[in-house]
N, C-alpha and C. Protein backbone atom coordinates (compact mmCIF):
# COMPACT_ATOMS: atom_id res chain seq x y z
N UNK A 1 100.19 111.84 84.34
CA UNK A 1 101.12 111.99 85.43
C UNK A 1 102.54 111.88 84.89
N UNK A 2 103.38 112.77 85.32
CA UNK A 2 104.80 112.72 84.99
C UNK A 2 105.58 112.74 86.29
N UNK A 3 106.65 111.96 86.33
CA UNK A 3 107.42 111.92 87.57
C UNK A 3 108.87 111.55 87.25
N UNK A 4 109.77 112.14 87.99
CA UNK A 4 111.19 111.79 87.91
C UNK A 4 111.73 111.66 89.32
N UNK A 5 112.55 110.65 89.53
CA UNK A 5 113.24 110.48 90.81
C UNK A 5 114.72 110.36 90.53
N UNK A 6 115.50 111.04 91.33
CA UNK A 6 116.95 111.03 91.14
C UNK A 6 117.60 110.87 92.50
N UNK A 7 118.46 109.88 92.60
CA UNK A 7 119.18 109.66 93.86
C UNK A 7 120.66 109.95 93.63
N UNK A 8 121.20 110.84 94.42
CA UNK A 8 122.60 111.23 94.29
C UNK A 8 123.24 111.20 95.66
N UNK A 9 124.41 110.64 95.73
CA UNK A 9 125.10 110.63 97.02
C UNK A 9 126.28 109.69 97.01
N UNK A 10 126.98 109.73 98.08
CA UNK A 10 128.18 108.93 98.27
C UNK A 10 127.83 107.44 98.27
N UNK A 11 128.76 106.62 97.81
CA UNK A 11 128.59 105.17 97.85
C UNK A 11 128.34 104.73 99.28
N UNK A 12 127.31 103.88 99.44
CA UNK A 12 127.00 103.35 100.76
C UNK A 12 126.15 104.26 101.63
N UNK A 13 125.63 105.34 101.04
CA UNK A 13 124.86 106.30 101.85
C UNK A 13 123.38 105.95 101.98
N UNK A 14 122.92 104.90 101.27
CA UNK A 14 121.53 104.46 101.41
C UNK A 14 120.61 104.86 100.28
N UNK A 15 121.15 105.18 99.12
CA UNK A 15 120.31 105.58 97.99
C UNK A 15 119.37 104.46 97.56
N UNK A 16 119.89 103.27 97.38
CA UNK A 16 119.05 102.14 96.95
C UNK A 16 118.00 101.82 98.00
N UNK A 17 118.38 101.86 99.25
CA UNK A 17 117.43 101.60 100.33
C UNK A 17 116.32 102.64 100.32
N UNK A 18 116.67 103.90 100.14
CA UNK A 18 115.67 104.97 100.12
C UNK A 18 114.74 104.84 98.91
N UNK A 19 115.30 104.46 97.77
CA UNK A 19 114.51 104.37 96.55
C UNK A 19 113.64 103.11 96.52
N UNK A 20 114.21 101.97 96.85
CA UNK A 20 113.51 100.69 96.71
C UNK A 20 113.01 100.15 98.04
N UNK A 21 113.79 100.32 99.08
CA UNK A 21 113.42 99.80 100.39
C UNK A 21 113.91 98.37 100.57
N UNK A 22 113.49 97.77 101.66
CA UNK A 22 113.88 96.39 101.95
C UNK A 22 112.82 95.78 102.84
N UNK A 23 112.25 94.66 102.40
CA UNK A 23 111.22 93.98 103.19
C UNK A 23 110.01 94.87 103.41
N UNK A 24 109.59 94.97 104.67
CA UNK A 24 108.40 95.77 104.99
C UNK A 24 108.69 97.27 104.95
N UNK A 25 109.95 97.65 104.94
CA UNK A 25 110.35 99.07 104.86
C UNK A 25 110.44 99.46 103.40
N UNK A 26 109.31 99.89 102.86
CA UNK A 26 109.24 100.21 101.44
C UNK A 26 109.90 101.55 101.15
N UNK A 27 110.51 101.64 99.98
CA UNK A 27 111.16 102.87 99.56
C UNK A 27 110.19 103.79 98.83
N UNK A 28 110.72 104.90 98.34
CA UNK A 28 109.89 105.91 97.70
C UNK A 28 109.30 105.42 96.38
N UNK A 29 109.99 104.57 95.63
CA UNK A 29 109.47 104.10 94.34
C UNK A 29 108.20 103.26 94.52
N UNK A 30 108.21 102.20 95.34
CA UNK A 30 106.96 101.44 95.49
C UNK A 30 105.84 102.26 96.14
N UNK A 31 106.18 103.15 97.04
CA UNK A 31 105.15 104.00 97.66
C UNK A 31 104.54 104.93 96.62
N UNK A 32 105.37 105.55 95.79
CA UNK A 32 104.88 106.46 94.76
C UNK A 32 104.05 105.71 93.72
N UNK A 33 104.47 104.51 93.34
CA UNK A 33 103.71 103.72 92.37
C UNK A 33 102.34 103.35 92.92
N UNK A 34 102.28 102.94 94.17
CA UNK A 34 100.99 102.63 94.79
C UNK A 34 100.08 103.85 94.78
N UNK A 35 100.61 105.00 95.14
CA UNK A 35 99.81 106.22 95.16
C UNK A 35 99.33 106.59 93.76
N UNK A 36 100.20 106.46 92.78
CA UNK A 36 99.84 106.76 91.40
C UNK A 36 98.69 105.88 90.94
N UNK A 37 98.79 104.57 91.18
CA UNK A 37 97.74 103.66 90.74
C UNK A 37 96.45 103.85 91.53
N UNK A 38 96.54 104.27 92.79
CA UNK A 38 95.33 104.59 93.55
C UNK A 38 94.63 105.81 92.95
N UNK A 39 95.41 106.81 92.57
CA UNK A 39 94.83 108.01 91.95
C UNK A 39 94.18 107.66 90.62
N UNK A 40 94.82 106.81 89.84
CA UNK A 40 94.24 106.38 88.56
C UNK A 40 92.94 105.64 88.81
N UNK A 41 92.91 104.76 89.80
CA UNK A 41 91.70 104.00 90.13
C UNK A 41 90.57 104.93 90.54
N UNK A 42 90.87 105.95 91.33
CA UNK A 42 89.84 106.90 91.76
C UNK A 42 89.30 107.71 90.58
N UNK A 43 90.13 107.95 89.60
CA UNK A 43 89.71 108.75 88.44
C UNK A 43 89.22 107.88 87.30
N UNK A 44 89.14 106.58 87.52
CA UNK A 44 88.75 105.63 86.48
C UNK A 44 87.38 105.95 85.91
N UNK A 45 86.48 106.43 86.75
CA UNK A 45 85.13 106.74 86.30
C UNK A 45 85.03 108.12 85.66
N UNK A 46 86.11 108.86 85.66
CA UNK A 46 86.10 110.20 85.07
C UNK A 46 86.23 110.10 83.56
N UNK A 47 85.76 111.12 82.89
CA UNK A 47 85.90 111.20 81.45
C UNK A 47 87.11 112.07 81.14
N UNK A 48 87.96 111.58 80.27
CA UNK A 48 89.15 112.33 79.86
C UNK A 48 88.96 112.73 78.41
N UNK A 49 89.12 114.01 78.13
CA UNK A 49 88.95 114.52 76.79
C UNK A 49 90.27 115.14 76.34
N UNK A 50 90.71 114.75 75.16
CA UNK A 50 91.93 115.32 74.57
C UNK A 50 91.52 116.13 73.35
N UNK A 51 91.99 117.36 73.28
CA UNK A 51 91.68 118.23 72.15
C UNK A 51 92.96 118.69 71.50
N UNK A 52 92.89 118.90 70.20
CA UNK A 52 94.04 119.41 69.47
C UNK A 52 93.89 120.88 69.23
C-alpha cells in the first residue's frame, strides 16, 4: 500500500482538524490508518509472492 496526504490552505482553515481530528471527531489520517490495518488483517491469511 502506498499513500500520500497533503493539506494545503489558508492559516486557520481547518487543515489540522481535517487531517488529525479532535476527540471523537476523527480526521482522515486515523481513519485511513484504521482502514489500512483492517485490510492488512483481512489479507493476513493470503500468500504474498515476490518475483524478480
